[in-house]
């Protein structure tokens, strides 16, 4: 009987579907009624059909292998080690340590873990050639998988200054290429662009141009590059974004006759997270983690529901980690490698995002490259324009954050809950360029509500 299901009914072409839809619309315009345009300029149709598919790419993902990552800021070494071991016992599969300076006893930190079976990420707020060489030696001695997240261009974009200067920072990278064989040490902080309000085409193009600067300036580079991305709530678009990112990165690497691969670690965006009705943040991060996994992220680090206003705490960490554990072990997100294959909508989005991003990337390169456009302020201006458009939609109620600009609970009180300052901080200082500023959509509205609480 199951075989007959495939032969008993005739196929319906896309033209037949459109004719029926047009009939049901009773004279209303098809494009105006059912086709909507995304901020990236992509027109989304009401349905996608096999006879309109023009797939010309391969986006191989390995969703079954994604790792659950726990973020830990290293302040007190003993407490950080104890916390990391506890999270590994509770289901985390990898740790991302953030280090403020090179005073940390890195050997003691790393050798506290089963390095042969636990991938480690090390995000550094500094650049030290000797420190990274120590990590490489540890990785060699313990057969470890360690990703050192070094990104001078990301530092330049976010802080307005390099670690030292262009020549000095790239000299360190070129020296590390010659001496480090057991770790990957180059990273791209693509999450900065999303959290600052760039649209998806901009995020992809800037990430590609960011990578191209390294390919041009670091000689004989052949290591894996770790790309840190932020994932938003536009579910299918975010899946397509990660797929497009991998396609674009592989395409760029081939232009250098190189087999460099990108290792994607994804984290939910902060841009749509809210102070009020904060439990909704758990719903947002759940769909964002789902997009990351289905889009092919190699590792996913969830964002705690209270991360914008609470210091790291055991409860928030446990909830965020359990969200990923449920997705992986109870929702079976680790069972299919290429779950988006054959979904005409996602494949069409992937192709359109990749094509538009490639066009923007070529424009950046034709106008001096990414660093030049950062210095000129072009990148910052374009991101601000995109962020302002989204902010206007939010302010006018056209972009909705439940519990904040839609169905707010007027009895919510958050003034006494703030352990962290949840808004953009002003820190006047001398910088070489205007920094790219991360900002949440709800900040202005939340500040006004907090004022009324006092």
Protein backbone atom coordinates (compact mmCIF):
# COMPACT_ATOMS: atom_id res chain seq x y z
CA UNK A 1 0.00 0.00 0.00
CA UNK A 2 2.84 2.40 0.79
CA UNK A 3 4.23 1.98 -2.74
CA UNK A 4 0.90 2.99 -4.26
CA UNK A 5 0.97 6.28 -2.39
CA UNK A 6 3.76 7.45 -4.70
CA UNK A 7 2.04 6.43 -7.94
CA UNK A 8 -1.63 6.86 -7.22
CA UNK A 9 -1.57 10.66 -7.39
CA UNK A 10 -0.19 12.81 -10.18
CA UNK A 11 2.45 15.38 -9.36
CA UNK A 12 1.48 19.03 -9.14
CA UNK A 13 3.73 21.53 -10.89
CA UNK A 14 4.65 24.92 -9.48
CA UNK A 15 2.61 26.55 -12.24
CA UNK A 16 -0.49 24.63 -11.14
CA UNK A 17 0.09 25.67 -7.51
CA UNK A 18 0.40 29.32 -8.54
CA UNK A 19 -2.75 29.18 -10.62
CA UNK A 20 -4.69 27.73 -7.70
CA UNK A 21 -3.27 30.30 -5.29
CA UNK A 22 -4.16 33.11 -7.68
CA UNK A 23 -7.70 31.77 -7.88
CA UNK A 24 -7.99 31.64 -4.08
CA UNK A 25 -6.72 35.22 -3.80
CA UNK A 26 -9.84 36.41 -5.68
CA UNK A 27 -8.02 39.09 -7.62
CA UNK A 28 -5.52 40.20 -4.93
CA UNK A 29 -1.96 40.70 -6.17
CA UNK A 30 0.15 37.57 -5.61
CA UNK A 31 3.44 39.40 -5.00
CA UNK A 32 2.01 42.09 -2.73
CA UNK A 33 -0.06 39.63 -0.68
CA UNK A 34 2.19 36.60 -0.29
CA UNK A 35 5.77 37.60 -1.10
CA UNK A 36 7.75 39.43 1.58
CA UNK A 37 11.23 40.90 1.45
CA UNK A 38 13.86 40.34 4.13
CA UNK A 39 16.28 43.05 5.34
CA UNK A 40 18.87 41.40 3.08
CA UNK A 41 16.75 42.07 0.01
CA UNK A 42 15.70 38.43 -0.41
CA UNK A 43 12.13 37.96 -1.62
CA UNK A 44 10.55 35.03 0.20
CA UNK A 45 7.91 33.16 -1.74
CA UNK A 46 4.92 31.33 -0.18
CA UNK A 47 6.13 27.96 -1.45
CA UNK A 48 9.18 26.33 -3.06
CA UNK A 49 8.98 23.55 -5.61
CA UNK A 50 11.38 20.99 -7.10
CA UNK A 51 10.81 22.21 -10.64
CA UNK A 52 12.12 25.66 -9.69
CA UNK A 53 15.22 24.43 -7.90
CA UNK A 54 18.51 25.77 -9.25
CA UNK A 55 20.91 24.32 -6.67
CA UNK A 56 24.50 24.74 -7.81
CA UNK A 57 26.42 24.11 -4.60
CA UNK A 58 27.17 21.50 -1.97
CA UNK A 59 26.86 22.44 1.71
CA UNK A 60 28.09 19.39 3.55
CA UNK A 61 27.55 19.65 7.29
CA UNK A 62 28.27 17.22 10.09
CA UNK A 63 25.47 17.95 12.52
CA UNK A 64 25.90 14.60 14.27
CA UNK A 65 29.31 15.65 15.59
CA UNK A 66 28.47 18.99 17.21
CA UNK A 67 29.92 19.53 20.67
CA UNK A 68 28.20 21.12 23.66
CA UNK A 69 30.49 23.91 24.89
CA UNK A 70 30.56 25.55 28.31
CA UNK A 71 31.98 29.08 28.62
CA UNK A 72 34.16 29.80 31.65
CA UNK A 73 35.88 33.08 32.44
CA UNK A 74 39.11 32.30 34.28
CA UNK A 75 39.58 34.55 37.29
CA UNK A 76 40.33 32.25 40.21
CA UNK A 77 42.25 29.29 38.76
CA UNK A 78 41.17 26.68 41.32
CA UNK A 79 37.50 27.67 41.12
CA UNK A 80 37.62 27.72 37.30
CA UNK A 81 39.10 24.23 37.17
CA UNK A 82 36.53 22.89 39.64
CA UNK A 83 33.69 24.50 37.73
CA UNK A 84 34.92 23.15 34.39
CA UNK A 85 35.27 19.60 35.75
CA UNK A 86 31.77 19.83 37.22
CA UNK A 87 30.24 20.97 33.92
CA UNK A 88 31.98 18.14 32.06
CA UNK A 89 30.48 15.68 34.53
CA UNK A 90 27.07 17.26 33.94
CA UNK A 91 27.07 16.86 30.16
CA UNK A 92 29.31 19.52 28.62
CA UNK A 93 31.67 18.08 26.02
CA UNK A 94 34.03 21.00 25.58
CA UNK A 95 35.15 24.11 27.45
CA UNK A 96 35.82 27.63 26.18
CA UNK A 97 38.08 29.45 28.63
CA UNK A 98 38.42 33.23 28.50
CA UNK A 99 41.73 34.62 29.79
CA UNK A 100 42.33 38.28 30.61
CA UNK A 101 46.13 38.15 30.72
CA UNK A 102 49.13 35.82 30.53
CA UNK A 103 49.53 35.47 34.30
CA UNK A 104 47.38 32.32 34.25
CA UNK A 105 49.27 29.07 34.86
CA UNK A 106 48.19 27.60 31.56
CA UNK A 107 49.87 24.24 32.13
CA UNK A 108 48.03 23.73 35.41
CA UNK A 109 44.75 24.86 33.89
CA UNK A 110 44.85 22.57 30.87
CA UNK A 111 46.37 19.45 32.39
CA UNK A 112 43.53 19.29 34.92
CA UNK A 113 41.35 17.83 32.13
CA UNK A 114 41.32 14.70 29.98
CA UNK A 115 42.75 16.58 27.01
CA UNK A 116 42.79 13.59 24.68
CA UNK A 117 38.98 13.46 24.75
CA UNK A 118 37.97 17.04 25.60
CA UNK A 119 38.31 19.77 22.95
CA UNK A 120 39.36 23.08 24.50
CA UNK A 121 38.87 26.64 23.25
CA UNK A 122 41.01 29.45 24.70
CA UNK A 123 39.82 33.00 24.09
CA UNK A 124 42.53 35.53 24.97
CA UNK A 125 42.15 39.26 25.61
CA UNK A 126 45.83 39.66 24.78
CA UNK A 127 48.37 38.50 22.19
CA UNK A 128 51.46 36.66 23.42
CA UNK A 129 53.61 34.53 21.15
CA UNK A 130 55.34 32.74 24.04
CA UNK A 131 52.05 31.98 25.77
CA UNK A 132 50.59 30.42 22.63
CA UNK A 133 53.74 28.37 22.11
CA UNK A 134 53.28 26.95 25.62
CA UNK A 135 49.78 25.89 24.67
CA UNK A 136 51.09 24.25 21.51
CA UNK A 137 53.63 22.28 23.56
CA UNK A 138 50.92 21.12 25.97
CA UNK A 139 48.76 20.03 23.04
CA UNK A 140 51.67 18.04 21.62
CA UNK A 141 52.41 16.30 24.92
CA UNK A 142 48.80 15.33 25.57
CA UNK A 143 47.43 14.68 22.05
CA UNK A 144 44.96 17.47 22.69
CA UNK A 145 42.55 19.34 20.42
CA UNK A 146 42.96 22.99 21.33
CA UNK A 147 41.61 26.02 19.48
CA UNK A 148 43.34 29.25 20.54
CA UNK A 149 41.04 32.10 19.52
CA UNK A 150 43.46 34.79 18.33
CA UNK A 151 41.91 37.54 16.21
CA UNK A 152 43.84 40.84 15.91
CA UNK A 153 41.42 42.14 13.26
CA UNK A 154 38.47 41.32 15.51
CA UNK A 155 40.26 43.16 18.32
CA UNK A 156 40.73 46.15 16.01
CA UNK A 157 37.07 46.17 14.96
CA UNK A 158 35.65 45.76 18.47
CA UNK A 159 38.03 47.87 20.56
CA UNK A 160 39.24 50.39 17.98
CA UNK A 161 42.88 49.46 18.59
CA UNK A 162 45.12 46.52 17.74
CA UNK A 163 47.05 44.60 20.38
CA UNK A 164 50.20 46.52 19.35
CA UNK A 165 50.10 47.62 15.69
CA UNK A 166 49.43 46.06 12.30
CA UNK A 167 53.04 45.07 11.69
CA UNK A 168 53.57 43.72 15.20
CA UNK A 169 50.36 41.71 15.39
CA UNK A 170 50.84 40.07 12.00
CA UNK A 171 54.49 39.39 12.77
CA UNK A 172 53.33 37.32 15.75
CA UNK A 173 50.91 35.38 13.56
CA UNK A 174 53.59 34.70 10.95
CA UNK A 175 55.96 33.46 13.65
CA UNK A 176 53.27 31.20 15.11
CA UNK A 177 52.66 29.60 11.69
CA UNK A 178 56.28 28.44 11.70
CA UNK A 179 56.37 27.19 15.28
CA UNK A 180 52.89 25.88 16.16
CA UNK A 181 51.92 22.56 14.61
CA UNK A 182 49.61 21.06 17.23
CA UNK A 183 46.91 23.70 17.69
CA UNK A 184 44.77 25.97 15.56
CA UNK A 185 45.34 29.54 16.68
CA UNK A 186 43.52 31.80 14.25
CA UNK A 187 39.94 32.89 14.87
CA UNK A 188 37.37 35.24 13.35
CA UNK A 189 34.88 36.94 15.66
CA UNK A 190 31.96 37.05 13.25
CA UNK A 191 29.50 37.33 16.15
CA UNK A 192 30.51 40.98 16.56
CA UNK A 193 28.77 41.95 13.33
CA UNK A 194 25.51 40.21 14.22
CA UNK A 195 25.42 41.59 17.75
CA UNK A 196 26.04 45.10 16.42
CA UNK A 197 23.07 44.89 14.04
CA UNK A 198 24.52 43.87 10.67
CA UNK A 199 22.15 41.99 8.39
CA UNK A 200 23.03 38.46 7.28
CA UNK A 201 24.56 39.40 3.94
CA UNK A 202 26.81 41.88 5.73
CA UNK A 203 27.74 39.31 8.37
CA UNK A 204 28.80 36.81 5.72
CA UNK A 205 30.61 39.33 3.54
CA UNK A 206 32.48 40.90 6.46
CA UNK A 207 33.49 37.48 7.76
CA UNK A 208 34.80 36.54 4.33
CA UNK A 209 36.70 39.83 3.95
CA UNK A 210 38.00 39.40 7.51
CA UNK A 211 39.35 35.94 6.57
CA UNK A 212 40.82 37.25 3.33
CA UNK A 213 42.98 39.72 5.24
CA UNK A 214 44.54 36.81 7.12
CA UNK A 215 45.05 34.77 3.96
CA UNK A 216 46.82 37.75 2.38
CA UNK A 217 48.95 38.72 5.37
CA UNK A 218 49.91 35.41 6.98
CA UNK A 219 52.39 33.50 4.81
CA UNK A 220 52.09 29.73 4.26
CA UNK A 221 48.99 29.54 6.42
CA UNK A 222 47.40 26.10 6.25
CA UNK A 223 45.65 25.63 9.61
CA UNK A 224 41.98 25.36 10.40
CA UNK A 225 40.32 28.70 11.17
CA UNK A 226 37.79 28.93 14.00
CA UNK A 227 34.84 31.18 13.15
CA UNK A 228 32.80 32.36 16.13
CA UNK A 229 29.27 33.22 14.99
CA UNK A 230 26.17 34.61 16.68
CA UNK A 231 22.82 33.12 15.76
CA UNK A 232 19.54 35.04 15.77
CA UNK A 233 15.89 34.02 15.88
CA UNK A 234 15.13 34.08 12.12
CA UNK A 235 15.10 30.28 12.16
CA UNK A 236 15.43 29.19 8.52
CA UNK A 237 17.56 32.17 7.52
CA UNK A 238 20.04 31.38 10.30
CA UNK A 239 20.31 27.76 9.15
CA UNK A 240 20.99 29.03 5.64
CA UNK A 241 23.49 31.60 6.95
CA UNK A 242 25.74 28.98 8.49
CA UNK A 243 25.53 26.78 5.40
CA UNK A 244 26.39 29.78 3.20
CA UNK A 245 29.29 30.66 5.49
CA UNK A 246 30.89 27.27 5.00
CA UNK A 247 30.39 27.39 1.23
CA UNK A 248 31.90 30.88 0.98
CA UNK A 249 34.85 30.08 3.23
CA UNK A 250 35.71 26.93 1.26
CA UNK A 251 35.39 28.86 -2.00
CA UNK A 252 37.78 31.55 -0.76
CA UNK A 253 40.31 28.99 0.50
CA UNK A 254 40.37 27.28 -2.90
CA UNK A 255 41.30 30.59 -4.52
CA UNK A 256 44.52 30.36 -2.51
CA UNK A 257 44.98 26.72 -3.61
CA UNK A 258 44.46 25.82 0.00
CA UNK A 259 42.38 23.20 1.78
CA UNK A 260 41.91 25.36 4.88
CA UNK A 261 38.63 24.49 6.59
CA UNK A 262 36.55 26.57 8.97
CA UNK A 263 35.52 25.30 12.37
CA UNK A 264 32.28 27.01 13.40
CA UNK A 265 31.41 27.62 17.05
CA UNK A 266 27.99 29.21 17.44
CA UNK A 267 26.41 31.16 20.30
CA UNK A 268 22.93 32.73 20.48
CA UNK A 269 22.92 36.45 19.80
CA UNK A 270 22.59 38.99 22.60
CA UNK A 271 20.85 41.49 20.33
CA UNK A 272 17.31 40.19 20.92
CA UNK A 273 17.74 39.24 24.59
CA UNK A 274 15.67 41.13 27.12
CA UNK A 275 15.90 42.22 30.72
CA UNK A 276 12.16 42.07 31.36
CA UNK A 277 10.23 38.81 31.01
CA UNK A 278 13.66 37.19 30.91
CA UNK A 279 12.32 33.62 30.77
CA UNK A 280 11.40 34.25 27.13
CA UNK A 281 15.15 34.32 26.52
CA UNK A 282 15.13 30.54 27.00
CA UNK A 283 12.69 30.16 24.11
CA UNK A 284 14.82 32.40 21.94
CA UNK A 285 18.06 30.57 22.70
CA UNK A 286 16.42 27.18 22.09
CA UNK A 287 15.44 28.00 18.50
CA UNK A 288 18.78 29.73 17.96
CA UNK A 289 20.68 26.64 19.09
CA UNK A 290 18.47 24.54 16.82
CA UNK A 291 19.40 26.75 13.85
CA UNK A 292 23.07 26.46 14.75
CA UNK A 293 22.96 22.67 14.87
CA UNK A 294 20.92 22.25 11.69
CA UNK A 295 23.11 24.81 9.94
CA UNK A 296 26.15 22.68 10.66
CA UNK A 297 27.96 24.35 13.56
CA UNK A 298 30.80 22.19 14.86
CA UNK A 299 30.23 23.39 18.41
CA UNK A 300 27.45 25.26 20.19
CA UNK A 301 27.78 27.32 23.36
CA UNK A 302 24.41 28.36 24.70
CA UNK A 303 23.69 31.71 26.33
CA UNK A 304 22.18 31.63 29.81
CA UNK A 305 18.73 33.23 30.04
CA UNK A 306 20.04 35.75 32.60
CA UNK A 307 23.46 36.38 31.04
CA UNK A 308 22.85 40.06 30.32
CA UNK A 309 22.18 41.05 33.93
CA UNK A 310 23.48 38.26 36.23
CA UNK A 311 27.04 37.16 36.85
CA UNK A 312 27.83 33.56 35.90
CA UNK A 313 25.84 31.30 38.17
CA UNK A 314 25.27 27.57 38.51
CA UNK A 315 21.53 27.70 37.82
CA UNK A 316 21.79 29.73 34.61
CA UNK A 317 24.64 27.54 33.36
CA UNK A 318 22.73 24.35 34.13
CA UNK A 319 19.59 25.49 32.31
CA UNK A 320 21.51 26.60 29.21
CA UNK A 321 23.53 23.38 29.14
CA UNK A 322 20.41 21.26 29.61
CA UNK A 323 18.77 22.95 26.63
CA UNK A 324 21.56 21.57 24.44
CA UNK A 325 21.47 18.19 26.13
CA UNK A 326 17.75 17.88 25.40
CA UNK A 327 18.30 18.85 21.76
CA UNK A 328 21.14 16.39 21.36
CA UNK A 329 20.00 13.36 23.31
CA UNK A 330 16.22 13.63 23.49
CA UNK A 331 15.36 15.48 20.28
CA UNK A 332 17.87 13.45 18.22
CA UNK A 333 19.53 16.43 16.60
CA UNK A 334 22.73 14.39 16.47
CA UNK A 335 21.36 11.70 14.15
CA UNK A 336 21.45 13.31 10.68
CA UNK A 337 24.50 14.97 9.12
CA UNK A 338 22.83 17.06 6.43
CA UNK A 339 19.30 17.69 7.71
CA UNK A 340 18.65 20.69 5.44
CA UNK A 341 19.44 18.86 2.20
CA UNK A 342 16.41 18.68 -0.07
CA UNK A 343 14.56 21.51 1.65
CA UNK A 344 14.09 23.79 -1.33
CA UNK A 345 13.38 26.85 0.81
CA UNK A 346 16.58 26.57 2.87
CA UNK A 347 18.66 25.67 -0.17
CA UNK A 348 17.32 28.68 -2.06
CA UNK A 349 18.04 30.95 0.92
CA UNK A 350 21.55 29.50 1.19
CA UNK A 351 22.28 30.22 -2.44
CA UNK A 352 20.85 33.75 -2.37
CA UNK A 353 22.69 34.69 0.84
CA UNK A 354 25.94 33.32 -0.55
CA UNK A 355 25.55 35.14 -3.87
CA UNK A 356 24.69 38.48 -2.28
CA UNK A 357 27.50 38.15 0.28
CA UNK A 358 30.00 37.29 -2.44
CA UNK A 359 28.98 40.39 -4.37
CA UNK A 360 29.45 42.60 -1.28
CA UNK A 361 32.78 40.90 -0.52
CA UNK A 362 34.04 41.71 -4.02
CA UNK A 363 33.00 45.34 -3.52
CA UNK A 364 34.97 45.48 -0.25
CA UNK A 365 38.06 44.05 -1.94
CA UNK A 366 37.73 46.44 -4.87
CA UNK A 367 37.76 49.34 -2.40
CA UNK A 368 40.90 48.44 -0.51
CA UNK A 369 39.92 45.45 1.61
CA UNK A 370 38.44 44.99 5.05
CA UNK A 371 41.08 46.72 7.20
CA UNK A 372 41.11 49.73 4.88
CA UNK A 373 37.34 50.02 5.07
CA UNK A 374 37.48 49.75 8.87
CA UNK A 375 39.98 52.60 8.97
CA UNK A 376 37.82 54.66 6.62
CA UNK A 377 34.74 53.92 8.74
CA UNK A 378 32.78 52.35 5.89
CA UNK A 379 32.09 49.04 7.66
CA UNK A 380 30.97 50.79 10.84
CA UNK A 381 28.67 53.10 8.89
CA UNK A 382 27.04 50.27 6.96
CA UNK A 383 26.44 48.24 10.13
CA UNK A 384 24.95 51.29 11.87
CA UNK A 385 22.60 51.88 8.93
CA UNK A 386 21.39 48.29 9.13
CA UNK A 387 21.10 48.42 12.94
CA UNK A 388 19.14 51.69 12.80
CA UNK A 389 16.63 50.16 10.36
CA UNK A 390 16.08 47.20 12.67
CA UNK A 391 15.85 49.49 15.71
CA UNK A 392 13.18 51.56 13.98
CA UNK A 393 11.15 48.41 13.27
CA UNK A 394 11.42 47.44 16.95
CA UNK A 395 10.54 50.93 18.19
CA UNK A 396 7.47 50.98 15.92
CA UNK A 397 6.34 47.54 17.06
CA UNK A 398 6.96 45.89 13.69
CA UNK A 399 9.76 43.74 15.09
CA UNK A 400 8.42 42.05 18.19
CA UNK A 401 10.11 40.91 21.37
CA UNK A 402 7.44 39.30 23.54
CA UNK A 403 7.30 40.65 27.06
CA UNK A 404 9.07 43.85 26.05
CA UNK A 405 7.34 45.71 23.22
CA UNK A 406 4.46 43.21 22.99
CA UNK A 407 2.42 41.97 25.97
CA UNK A 408 4.76 43.43 28.63
CA UNK A 409 4.12 42.60 32.26
CA UNK A 410 3.80 46.03 33.86
CA UNK A 411 4.35 44.52 37.30
CA UNK A 412 7.82 43.22 36.36
CA UNK A 413 10.52 44.74 38.58
CA UNK A 414 14.19 44.30 37.67
CA UNK A 415 16.02 47.16 39.38
CA UNK A 416 17.22 45.02 42.30
CA UNK A 417 18.15 42.07 40.08
CA UNK A 418 20.98 43.80 38.23
CA UNK A 419 24.39 42.32 39.00
CA UNK A 420 25.81 43.42 35.65
CA UNK A 421 25.24 46.65 33.72
CA UNK A 422 23.05 45.43 30.83
CA UNK A 423 23.44 48.41 28.51
CA UNK A 424 26.10 49.82 26.20
CA UNK A 425 28.94 51.15 28.32
CA UNK A 426 30.57 54.45 27.47
CA UNK A 427 34.32 54.26 27.90
CA UNK A 428 35.96 57.37 26.39
CA UNK A 429 39.45 56.53 25.18
CA UNK A 430 41.77 57.22 22.29
CA UNK A 431 41.26 54.77 19.44
CA UNK A 432 42.62 54.43 15.93
CA UNK A 433 39.16 53.79 14.48
CA UNK A 434 35.55 54.01 15.59
CA UNK A 435 34.79 50.66 17.29
CA UNK A 436 31.90 48.46 16.19
CA UNK A 437 29.48 48.63 19.13
CA UNK A 438 27.30 45.70 20.15
CA UNK A 439 23.85 46.82 21.29
CA UNK A 440 20.58 45.08 22.18
CA UNK A 441 17.32 46.20 20.60
CA UNK A 442 15.46 46.64 23.89
CA UNK A 443 18.01 48.80 25.72
CA UNK A 444 16.31 52.20 25.41
CA UNK A 445 12.89 50.82 26.38
CA UNK A 446 14.36 48.94 29.35
CA UNK A 447 16.21 51.99 30.62
CA UNK A 448 12.99 53.97 30.57
CA UNK A 449 11.19 51.24 32.50
CA UNK A 450 13.96 51.02 35.08
CA UNK A 451 13.69 54.77 35.68
CA UNK A 452 10.01 54.41 36.57
CA UNK A 453 10.86 51.73 39.16
CA UNK A 454 12.99 54.05 41.25
